[in-house]
N, C-alpha and C. Protein backbone atom coordinates (compact mmCIF):
# COMPACT_ATOMS: atom_id res chain seq x y z
N UNK A 1 72.00 69.94 123.63
CA UNK A 1 72.31 71.23 123.53
C UNK A 1 73.07 71.62 121.99
N UNK A 2 73.00 73.06 121.31
CA UNK A 2 73.41 73.30 120.40
C UNK A 2 74.24 74.18 120.65
N UNK A 3 75.18 74.40 119.72
CA UNK A 3 76.65 75.42 119.80
C UNK A 3 76.10 76.54 118.66
N UNK A 4 75.72 77.89 119.53
CA UNK A 4 75.51 79.05 118.84
C UNK A 4 77.08 79.02 117.74
N UNK A 5 77.02 80.56 116.57
CA UNK A 5 77.97 81.19 116.39
C UNK A 5 79.50 81.12 116.84
N UNK A 6 80.37 81.07 116.08
CA UNK A 6 81.96 80.90 116.61
C UNK A 6 82.37 82.61 116.78
N UNK A 7 81.52 83.21 116.29
CA UNK A 7 82.40 84.42 116.11
C UNK A 7 80.65 85.40 116.00
N UNK A 8 81.13 86.92 117.13
CA UNK A 8 80.07 87.34 117.41
C UNK A 8 79.53 88.56 116.08
N UNK A 9 80.82 89.10 115.93
CA UNK A 9 80.93 89.82 114.03
C UNK A 9 81.18 89.16 112.97
N UNK A 10 80.48 89.32 111.71
CA UNK A 10 80.61 89.16 110.59
C UNK A 10 82.19 89.74 110.00
N UNK A 11 82.91 90.03 110.88
CA UNK A 11 84.17 90.65 110.41
C UNK A 11 85.46 89.67 111.18
N UNK A 12 84.82 88.96 112.16
CA UNK A 12 85.50 88.02 112.62
C UNK A 12 85.63 86.44 112.10
N UNK A 13 84.24 86.61 111.36
CA UNK A 13 84.14 85.45 110.53
C UNK A 13 85.14 85.27 108.90
N UNK A 14 85.36 86.76 108.50
CA UNK A 14 85.83 86.93 106.86
C UNK A 14 87.82 86.79 107.50
N UNK A 15 87.75 87.72 108.43
CA UNK A 15 89.48 86.76 108.66
C UNK A 15 90.32 86.00 108.33
N UNK A 16 89.69 84.94 108.49
CA UNK A 16 90.31 83.57 107.82
C UNK A 16 90.76 83.68 106.15
N UNK A 17 90.07 84.45 105.82
CA UNK A 17 89.77 84.98 103.74
C UNK A 17 90.32 85.77 103.72
N UNK A 18 90.66 86.87 104.69
CA UNK A 18 91.44 87.78 103.85
C UNK A 18 92.95 88.02 104.63
N UNK A 19 93.11 87.12 105.91
CA UNK A 19 94.20 87.03 106.32
C UNK A 19 96.03 86.54 105.16
N UNK A 20 95.27 85.72 104.43
CA UNK A 20 96.49 84.89 103.73
C UNK A 20 97.04 85.76 103.32
N UNK A 21 95.86 87.19 102.25
CA UNK A 21 95.97 88.18 101.20
C UNK A 21 96.94 89.34 101.72
N UNK A 22 96.52 89.60 103.05
CA UNK A 22 97.37 90.53 103.91
C UNK A 22 98.90 89.96 104.08
N UNK A 23 98.85 88.75 104.17
CA UNK A 23 100.38 88.45 103.94
C UNK A 23 101.53 88.02 102.96
N UNK A 24 100.37 87.42 102.04
CA UNK A 24 100.82 88.13 100.31
C UNK A 24 101.60 89.21 100.71
N UNK A 25 100.49 90.85 100.95
CA UNK A 25 100.43 91.91 100.22
C UNK A 25 102.19 92.53 101.05
N UNK A 26 102.31 91.75 102.67
CA UNK A 26 103.22 92.57 103.55
C UNK A 26 104.75 92.03 102.96
N UNK A 27 104.44 91.15 102.31
CA UNK A 27 105.94 90.15 101.91
C UNK A 27 106.27 90.69 100.33
N UNK A 28 105.00 90.81 99.58
CA UNK A 28 106.04 91.78 98.72
C UNK A 28 106.72 93.57 98.75
N UNK A 29 105.58 94.02 99.63
CA UNK A 29 106.33 95.33 99.99
C UNK A 29 107.18 95.78 101.06
N UNK A 30 107.55 94.25 101.43
CA UNK A 30 109.11 94.22 102.55
C UNK A 30 110.14 93.80 101.32
N UNK A 31 109.48 92.91 100.27
CA UNK A 31 110.89 92.80 99.26
C UNK A 31 110.95 93.85 98.21
N UNK A 32 110.12 94.73 97.53
CA UNK A 32 110.75 95.60 97.17
C UNK A 32 111.10 96.23 97.88
N UNK A 33 110.56 96.90 99.39
CA UNK A 33 111.59 97.86 100.33
C UNK A 33 112.99 97.89 100.21
N UNK A 34 113.08 96.44 100.50
CA UNK A 34 114.71 95.66 100.20
C UNK A 34 115.10 95.91 99.36
N UNK A 35 114.87 95.61 98.40
CA UNK A 35 115.45 95.60 96.72
C UNK A 35 115.99 97.56 96.73
N UNK A 36 114.28 98.27 96.72
CA UNK A 36 114.65 99.36 96.73
C UNK A 36 116.06 100.09 97.60
N UNK A 37 116.22 100.01 99.12
CA UNK A 37 117.23 100.29 99.59
C UNK A 37 118.42 99.49 98.96
N UNK A 38 118.67 98.38 99.04
CA UNK A 38 119.79 98.15 97.84
C UNK A 38 120.05 98.64 96.51
N UNK A 39 119.24 98.57 96.22
CA UNK A 39 119.62 99.53 94.80
C UNK A 39 118.99 100.77 94.81
N UNK A 40 119.85 101.84 95.08
CA UNK A 40 119.22 103.45 95.06
C UNK A 40 118.86 103.47 93.38
N UNK A 41 117.92 104.25 93.08
CA UNK A 41 117.41 104.60 91.55
C UNK A 41 119.09 105.59 91.01
N UNK A 42 119.48 105.32 90.06
CA UNK A 42 120.47 106.48 89.49
C UNK A 42 119.60 107.14 88.83
N UNK A 43 120.08 108.63 89.59
CA UNK A 43 119.84 110.16 89.22
C UNK A 43 120.46 110.62 88.44
N UNK A 44 121.79 110.26 87.69
CA UNK A 44 122.87 110.63 86.92
C UNK A 44 122.19 110.82 85.51
N UNK A 45 121.21 110.70 85.26
CA UNK A 45 120.79 110.51 83.99
C UNK A 45 121.04 111.98 83.05
N UNK A 46 121.07 112.48 81.94
CA UNK A 46 121.48 113.15 81.43
C UNK A 46 119.99 114.17 80.73
N UNK A 47 119.62 115.25 81.44
CA UNK A 47 118.62 115.34 80.59
C UNK A 47 118.41 116.98 79.95
């Protein structure tokens, strides 16, 4: 008995390679978003 492919589509086989990248990008986005909410930009500059 031979085992067939575990994934029926090439995108399914690529998920383990892209998932860590997506998680890292999501964490960076959340950190930047929280930092900007905590420290809003100062718009009181003299022009």
